[in-house]
Amino acid sequence: MSRYEVNVLLYRLKKDSVFRRRFRDDARGALSGAELTDEEREAFVKWDAPRLNELGGSLHLLISIPGLGGH
């Protein structure tokens, strides 16, 4: 499990609108260089926030990403 990488990506999704747009358009492509496990990658692609949280993703980040979080 790469908890650090999960949170780095969540932070980037929160702060980087260009990356966030790319992720929305092509999640697999946006994540192509990320060092994630298959399980983490699938949770991102499906935007399974509860699973990302179980995998170590910060709940604060998960609910605060514009257009993806819990708003």
PDB file of N, CA and C in Angstrom:
ATOM      1  N   MET A   1       0.846  -1.172   0.000  1.00  0.00           N
ATOM      2  CA  MET A   1       0.000   0.000   0.000  1.00  0.00           C
ATOM      3  C   MET A   1       0.893   1.237   0.000  1.00  0.00           C
ATOM      4  N   SER A   2       0.492   2.241  -0.763  1.00  0.00           N
ATOM      5  CA  SER A   2       1.273   3.465  -0.868  1.00  0.00           C
ATOM      6  C   SER A   2       0.448   4.645  -0.362  1.00  0.00           C
ATOM      7  N   ARG A   3       0.212   4.646   0.938  1.00  0.00           N
ATOM      8  CA  ARG A   3      -0.606   5.675   1.587  1.00  0.00           C
ATOM      9  C   ARG A   3      -0.114   7.084   1.228  1.00  0.00           C
ATOM     10  N   TYR A   4       1.196   7.269   1.224  1.00  0.00           N
ATOM     11  CA  TYR A   4       1.766   8.572   0.897  1.00  0.00           C
ATOM     12  C   TYR A   4       1.349   9.001  -0.509  1.00  0.00           C
ATOM     13  N   GLU A   5       1.483   8.121  -1.478  1.00  0.00           N
ATOM     14  CA  GLU A   5       1.141   8.445  -2.862  1.00  0.00           C
ATOM     15  C   GLU A   5      -0.346   8.736  -3.016  1.00  0.00           C
ATOM     16  N   VAL A   6      -1.188   8.004  -2.306  1.00  0.00           N
ATOM     17  CA  VAL A   6      -2.631   8.268  -2.340  1.00  0.00           C
ATOM     18  C   VAL A   6      -2.900   9.698  -1.897  1.00  0.00           C
ATOM     19  N   ASN A   7      -2.285  10.115  -0.804  1.00  0.00           N
ATOM     20  CA  ASN A   7      -2.521  11.460  -0.290  1.00  0.00           C
ATOM     21  C   ASN A   7      -1.878  12.534  -1.152  1.00  0.00           C
ATOM     22  N   VAL A   8      -0.745  12.246  -1.760  1.00  0.00           N
ATOM     23  CA  VAL A   8      -0.133  13.196  -2.695  1.00  0.00           C
ATOM     24  C   VAL A   8      -1.095  13.447  -3.857  1.00  0.00           C
ATOM     25  N   LEU A   9      -1.677  12.389  -4.380  1.00  0.00           N
ATOM     26  CA  LEU A   9      -2.617  12.539  -5.498  1.00  0.00           C
ATOM     27  C   LEU A   9      -3.890  13.256  -5.074  1.00  0.00           C
ATOM     28  N   LEU A  10      -4.382  12.958  -3.897  1.00  0.00           N
ATOM     29  CA  LEU A  10      -5.573  13.660  -3.409  1.00  0.00           C
ATOM     30  C   LEU A  10      -5.291  15.154  -3.250  1.00  0.00           C
ATOM     31  N   TYR A  11      -4.128  15.486  -2.710  1.00  0.00           N
ATOM     32  CA  TYR A  11      -3.755  16.887  -2.542  1.00  0.00           C
ATOM     33  C   TYR A  11      -3.636  17.562  -3.912  1.00  0.00           C
ATOM     34  N   ARG A  12      -3.040  16.874  -4.853  1.00  0.00           N
ATOM     35  CA  ARG A  12      -2.895  17.432  -6.196  1.00  0.00           C
ATOM     36  C   ARG A  12      -4.260  17.636  -6.847  1.00  0.00           C
ATOM     37  N   LEU A  13      -5.167  16.689  -6.657  1.00  0.00           N
ATOM     38  CA  LEU A  13      -6.519  16.849  -7.180  1.00  0.00           C
ATOM     39  C   LEU A  13      -7.212  18.056  -6.553  1.00  0.00           C
ATOM     40  N   LYS A  14      -6.937  18.313  -5.291  1.00  0.00           N
ATOM     41  CA  LYS A  14      -7.534  19.453  -4.603  1.00  0.00           C
ATOM     42  C   LYS A  14      -6.978  20.772  -5.124  1.00  0.00           C
ATOM     43  N   LYS A  15      -5.669  20.851  -5.316  1.00  0.00           N
ATOM     44  CA  LYS A  15      -5.011  22.123  -5.597  1.00  0.00           C
ATOM     45  C   LYS A  15      -4.762  22.422  -7.069  1.00  0.00           C
ATOM     46  N   ASP A  16      -4.669  21.412  -7.907  1.00  0.00           N
ATOM     47  CA  ASP A  16      -4.263  21.593  -9.303  1.00  0.00           C
ATOM     48  C   ASP A  16      -5.470  21.395 -10.225  1.00  0.00           C
ATOM     49  N   SER A  17      -6.071  22.503 -10.642  1.00  0.00           N
ATOM     50  CA  SER A  17      -7.302  22.411 -11.444  1.00  0.00           C
ATOM     51  C   SER A  17      -7.064  21.756 -12.807  1.00  0.00           C
ATOM     52  N   VAL A  18      -5.886  21.940 -13.389  1.00  0.00           N
ATOM     53  CA  VAL A  18      -5.581  21.309 -14.684  1.00  0.00           C
ATOM     54  C   VAL A  18      -5.511  19.786 -14.521  1.00  0.00           C
ATOM     55  N   PHE A  19      -4.818  19.331 -13.468  1.00  0.00           N
ATOM     56  CA  PHE A  19      -4.734  17.900 -13.197  1.00  0.00           C
ATOM     57  C   PHE A  19      -6.113  17.339 -12.884  1.00  0.00           C
ATOM     58  N   ARG A  20      -6.913  18.087 -12.107  1.00  0.00           N
ATOM     59  CA  ARG A  20      -8.260  17.641 -11.746  1.00  0.00           C
ATOM     60  C   ARG A  20      -9.116  17.476 -13.010  1.00  0.00           C
ATOM     61  N   ARG A  21      -9.024  18.409 -13.926  1.00  0.00           N
ATOM     62  CA  ARG A  21      -9.776  18.321 -15.177  1.00  0.00           C
ATOM     63  C   ARG A  21      -9.324  17.108 -15.982  1.00  0.00           C
ATOM     64  N   ARG A  22      -8.015  16.911 -16.053  1.00  0.00           N
ATOM     65  CA  ARG A  22      -7.482  15.741 -16.775  1.00  0.00           C
ATOM     66  C   ARG A  22      -7.978  14.448 -16.129  1.00  0.00           C
ATOM     67  N   PHE A  23      -7.976  14.404 -14.802  1.00  0.00           N
ATOM     68  CA  PHE A  23      -8.452  13.236 -14.070  1.00  0.00           C
ATOM     69  C   PHE A  23      -9.919  12.959 -14.388  1.00  0.00           C
ATOM     70  N   ARG A  24     -10.738  14.009 -14.408  1.00  0.00           N
ATOM     71  CA  ARG A  24     -12.159  13.832 -14.723  1.00  0.00           C
ATOM     72  C   ARG A  24     -12.339  13.291 -16.140  1.00  0.00           C
ATOM     73  N   ASP A  25     -11.506  13.770 -17.070  1.00  0.00           N
ATOM     74  CA  ASP A  25     -11.633  13.356 -18.469  1.00  0.00           C
ATOM     75  C   ASP A  25     -11.048  11.972 -18.734  1.00  0.00           C
ATOM     76  N   ASP A  26      -9.964  11.627 -18.038  1.00  0.00           N
ATOM     77  CA  ASP A  26      -9.264  10.360 -18.275  1.00  0.00           C
ATOM     78  C   ASP A  26      -8.491   9.968 -17.016  1.00  0.00           C
ATOM     79  N   ALA A  27      -9.201   9.394 -16.065  1.00  0.00           N
ATOM     80  CA  ALA A  27      -8.592   9.068 -14.776  1.00  0.00           C
ATOM     81  C   ALA A  27      -7.392   8.132 -14.939  1.00  0.00           C
ATOM     82  N   ARG A  28      -7.537   7.105 -15.750  1.00  0.00           N
ATOM     83  CA  ARG A  28      -6.416   6.158 -15.926  1.00  0.00           C
ATOM     84  C   ARG A  28      -5.190   6.861 -16.494  1.00  0.00           C
ATOM     85  N   GLY A  29      -5.404   7.717 -17.474  1.00  0.00           N
ATOM     86  CA  GLY A  29      -4.291   8.451 -18.058  1.00  0.00           C
ATOM     87  C   GLY A  29      -3.646   9.400 -17.060  1.00  0.00           C
ATOM     88  N   ALA A  30      -4.458  10.076 -16.273  1.00  0.00           N
ATOM     89  CA  ALA A  30      -3.938  11.015 -15.274  1.00  0.00           C
ATOM     90  C   ALA A  30      -3.112  10.299 -14.212  1.00  0.00           C
ATOM     91  N   LEU A  31      -3.457   9.056 -13.954  1.00  0.00           N
ATOM     92  CA  LEU A  31      -2.769   8.284 -12.909  1.00  0.00           C
ATOM     93  C   LEU A  31      -1.631   7.426 -13.453  1.00  0.00           C
ATOM     94  N   SER A  32      -1.365   7.516 -14.727  1.00  0.00           N
ATOM     95  CA  SER A  32      -0.426   6.587 -15.363  1.00  0.00           C
ATOM     96  C   SER A  32       0.959   6.572 -14.733  1.00  0.00           C
ATOM     97  N   GLY A  33       1.448   7.690 -14.256  1.00  0.00           N
ATOM     98  CA  GLY A  33       2.792   7.717 -13.664  1.00  0.00           C
ATOM     99  C   GLY A  33       2.815   7.518 -12.167  1.00  0.00           C
ATOM    100  N   ALA A  34       1.658   7.370 -11.561  1.00  0.00           N
ATOM    101  CA  ALA A  34       1.578   7.254 -10.100  1.00  0.00           C
ATOM    102  C   ALA A  34       1.978   5.861  -9.633  1.00  0.00           C
ATOM    103  N   GLU A  35       2.670   5.811  -8.527  1.00  0.00           N
ATOM    104  CA  GLU A  35       3.078   4.530  -7.932  1.00  0.00           C
ATOM    105  C   GLU A  35       1.997   4.049  -6.981  1.00  0.00           C
ATOM    106  N   LEU A  36       0.970   3.441  -7.565  1.00  0.00           N
ATOM    107  CA  LEU A  36      -0.179   2.949  -6.820  1.00  0.00           C
ATOM    108  C   LEU A  36      -0.308   1.451  -6.990  1.00  0.00           C
ATOM    109  N   THR A  37      -0.924   0.814  -6.006  1.00  0.00           N
ATOM    110  CA  THR A  37      -1.283  -0.588  -6.173  1.00  0.00           C
ATOM    111  C   THR A  37      -2.479  -0.647  -7.125  1.00  0.00           C
ATOM    112  N   ASP A  38      -2.760  -1.810  -7.647  1.00  0.00           N
ATOM    113  CA  ASP A  38      -3.922  -1.972  -8.522  1.00  0.00           C
ATOM    114  C   ASP A  38      -5.203  -1.586  -7.789  1.00  0.00           C
ATOM    115  N   GLU A  39      -5.293  -1.956  -6.522  1.00  0.00           N
ATOM    116  CA  GLU A  39      -6.476  -1.656  -5.724  1.00  0.00           C
ATOM    117  C   GLU A  39      -6.655  -0.140  -5.536  1.00  0.00           C
ATOM    118  N   GLU A  40      -5.563   0.552  -5.268  1.00  0.00           N
ATOM    119  CA  GLU A  40      -5.629   2.007  -5.124  1.00  0.00           C
ATOM    120  C   GLU A  40      -6.024   2.665  -6.437  1.00  0.00           C
ATOM    121  N   ARG A  41      -5.418   2.215  -7.519  1.00  0.00           N
ATOM    122  CA  ARG A  41      -5.708   2.770  -8.846  1.00  0.00           C
ATOM    123  C   ARG A  41      -7.191   2.607  -9.176  1.00  0.00           C
ATOM    124  N   GLU A  42      -7.739   1.432  -8.934  1.00  0.00           N
ATOM    125  CA  GLU A  42      -9.159   1.184  -9.219  1.00  0.00           C
ATOM    126  C   GLU A  42     -10.061   2.054  -8.353  1.00  0.00           C
ATOM    127  N   ALA A  43      -9.693   2.260  -7.099  1.00  0.00           N
ATOM    128  CA  ALA A  43     -10.491   3.122  -6.222  1.00  0.00           C
ATOM    129  C   ALA A  43     -10.501   4.555  -6.747  1.00  0.00           C
ATOM    130  N   PHE A  44      -9.366   5.022  -7.266  1.00  0.00           N
ATOM    131  CA  PHE A  44      -9.329   6.355  -7.872  1.00  0.00           C
ATOM    132  C   PHE A  44     -10.178   6.397  -9.134  1.00  0.00           C
ATOM    133  N   VAL A  45      -9.988   5.433 -10.011  1.00  0.00           N
ATOM    134  CA  VAL A  45     -10.709   5.426 -11.291  1.00  0.00           C
ATOM    135  C   VAL A  45     -12.219   5.407 -11.066  1.00  0.00           C
ATOM    136  N   LYS A  46     -12.678   4.632 -10.114  1.00  0.00           N
ATOM    137  CA  LYS A  46     -14.115   4.543  -9.807  1.00  0.00           C
ATOM    138  C   LYS A  46     -14.565   5.683  -8.900  1.00  0.00           C
ATOM    139  N   TRP A  47     -13.630   6.476  -8.422  1.00  0.00           N
ATOM    140  CA  TRP A  47     -13.821   7.501  -7.394  1.00  0.00           C
ATOM    141  C   TRP A  47     -14.639   6.931  -6.236  1.00  0.00           C
ATOM    142  N   ASP A  48     -14.067   5.883  -5.648  1.00  0.00           N
ATOM    143  CA  ASP A  48     -14.649   5.210  -4.495  1.00  0.00           C
ATOM    144  C   ASP A  48     -14.042   5.829  -3.244  1.00  0.00           C
ATOM    145  N   ALA A  49     -14.617   6.962  -2.809  1.00  0.00           N
ATOM    146  CA  ALA A  49     -14.064   7.715  -1.684  1.00  0.00           C
ATOM    147  C   ALA A  49     -13.975   6.891  -0.393  1.00  0.00           C
ATOM    148  N   PRO A  50     -14.998   6.102  -0.050  1.00  0.00           N
ATOM    149  CA  PRO A  50     -14.857   5.293   1.163  1.00  0.00           C
ATOM    150  C   PRO A  50     -13.675   4.316   1.080  1.00  0.00           C
ATOM    151  N   ARG A  51     -13.481   3.729  -0.087  1.00  0.00           N
ATOM    152  CA  ARG A  51     -12.358   2.789  -0.251  1.00  0.00           C
ATOM    153  C   ARG A  51     -11.028   3.534  -0.207  1.00  0.00           C
ATOM    154  N   LEU A  52     -10.945   4.703  -0.838  1.00  0.00           N
ATOM    155  CA  LEU A  52      -9.720   5.496  -0.775  1.00  0.00           C
ATOM    156  C   LEU A  52      -9.388   5.856   0.666  1.00  0.00           C
ATOM    157  N   ASN A  53     -10.412   6.166   1.461  1.00  0.00           N
ATOM    158  CA  ASN A  53     -10.196   6.455   2.879  1.00  0.00           C
ATOM    159  C   ASN A  53      -9.684   5.212   3.603  1.00  0.00           C
ATOM    160  N   GLU A  54     -10.254   4.064   3.315  1.00  0.00           N
ATOM    161  CA  GLU A  54      -9.780   2.810   3.926  1.00  0.00           C
ATOM    162  C   GLU A  54      -8.335   2.520   3.549  1.00  0.00           C
ATOM    163  N   LEU A  55      -7.950   2.943   2.349  1.00  0.00           N
ATOM    164  CA  LEU A  55      -6.593   2.702   1.866  1.00  0.00           C
ATOM    165  C   LEU A  55      -5.606   3.765   2.350  1.00  0.00           C
ATOM    166  N   GLY A  56      -6.068   4.654   3.209  1.00  0.00           N
ATOM    167  CA  GLY A  56      -5.175   5.637   3.818  1.00  0.00           C
ATOM    168  C   GLY A  56      -5.359   7.058   3.355  1.00  0.00           C
ATOM    169  N   GLY A  57      -6.307   7.283   2.453  1.00  0.00           N
ATOM    170  CA  GLY A  57      -6.555   8.637   1.980  1.00  0.00           C
ATOM    171  C   GLY A  57      -7.178   9.496   3.064  1.00  0.00           C
ATOM    172  N   SER A  58      -6.707  10.729   3.163  1.00  0.00           N
ATOM    173  CA  SER A  58      -7.209  11.661   4.158  1.00  0.00           C
ATOM    174  C   SER A  58      -8.674  12.005   3.882  1.00  0.00           C
ATOM    175  N   LEU A  59      -9.520  11.822   4.885  1.00  0.00           N
ATOM    176  CA  LEU A  59     -10.935  12.140   4.746  1.00  0.00           C
ATOM    177  C   LEU A  59     -11.113  13.620   4.409  1.00  0.00           C
ATOM    178  N   HIS A  60     -10.337  14.480   5.046  1.00  0.00           N
ATOM    179  CA  HIS A  60     -10.417  15.915   4.766  1.00  0.00           C
ATOM    180  C   HIS A  60     -10.181  16.196   3.278  1.00  0.00           C
ATOM    181  N   LEU A  61      -9.148  15.586   2.712  1.00  0.00           N
ATOM    182  CA  LEU A  61      -8.875  15.788   1.290  1.00  0.00           C
ATOM    183  C   LEU A  61      -9.991  15.219   0.431  1.00  0.00           C
ATOM    184  N   LEU A  62     -10.455  14.034   0.772  1.00  0.00           N
ATOM    185  CA  LEU A  62     -11.492  13.384  -0.034  1.00  0.00           C
ATOM    186  C   LEU A  62     -12.763  14.220  -0.144  1.00  0.00           C
ATOM    187  N   ILE A  63     -13.129  14.908   0.928  1.00  0.00           N
ATOM    188  CA  ILE A  63     -14.391  15.683   0.888  1.00  0.00           C
ATOM    189  C   ILE A  63     -14.176  17.123   0.438  1.00  0.00           C
ATOM    190  N   SER A  64     -12.934  17.523   0.225  1.00  0.00           N
ATOM    191  CA  SER A  64     -12.695  18.924  -0.112  1.00  0.00           C
ATOM    192  C   SER A  64     -12.186  19.154  -1.534  1.00  0.00           C
ATOM    193  N   ILE A  65     -12.204  18.136  -2.363  1.00  0.00           N
ATOM    194  CA  ILE A  65     -11.734  18.287  -3.745  1.00  0.00           C
ATOM    195  C   ILE A  65     -12.891  18.848  -4.577  1.00  0.00           C
ATOM    196  N   PRO A  66     -12.699  20.037  -5.175  1.00  0.00           N
ATOM    197  CA  PRO A  66     -13.776  20.652  -5.959  1.00  0.00           C
ATOM    198  C   PRO A  66     -14.262  19.732  -7.078  1.00  0.00           C
ATOM    199  N   GLY A  67     -15.565  19.513  -7.099  1.00  0.00           N
ATOM    200  CA  GLY A  67     -16.153  18.699  -8.153  1.00  0.00           C
ATOM    201  C   GLY A  67     -16.029  17.198  -7.954  1.00  0.00           C
ATOM    202  N   LEU A  68     -15.297  16.777  -6.950  1.00  0.00           N
ATOM    203  CA  LEU A  68     -15.150  15.337  -6.691  1.00  0.00           C
ATOM    204  C   LEU A  68     -15.501  14.978  -5.253  1.00  0.00           C
ATOM    205  N   GLY A  69     -15.301  15.905  -4.341  1.00  0.00           N
ATOM    206  CA  GLY A  69     -15.494  15.632  -2.915  1.00  0.00           C
ATOM    207  C   GLY A  69     -16.951  15.576  -2.526  1.00  0.00           C
ATOM    208  N   GLY A  70     -17.196  15.761  -1.267  1.00  0.00           N
ATOM    209  CA  GLY A  70     -18.538  15.626  -0.712  1.00  0.00           C
ATOM    210  C   GLY A  70     -19.385  16.886  -0.753  1.00  0.00           C
ATOM    211  N   HIS A  71     -18.974  17.866  -1.534  1.00  0.00           N
ATOM    212  CA  HIS A  71     -19.734  19.131  -1.588  1.00  0.00           C
ATOM    213  C   HIS A  71     -20.920  19.025  -2.506  1.00  0.00           C
TER     214      HIS A  71
END
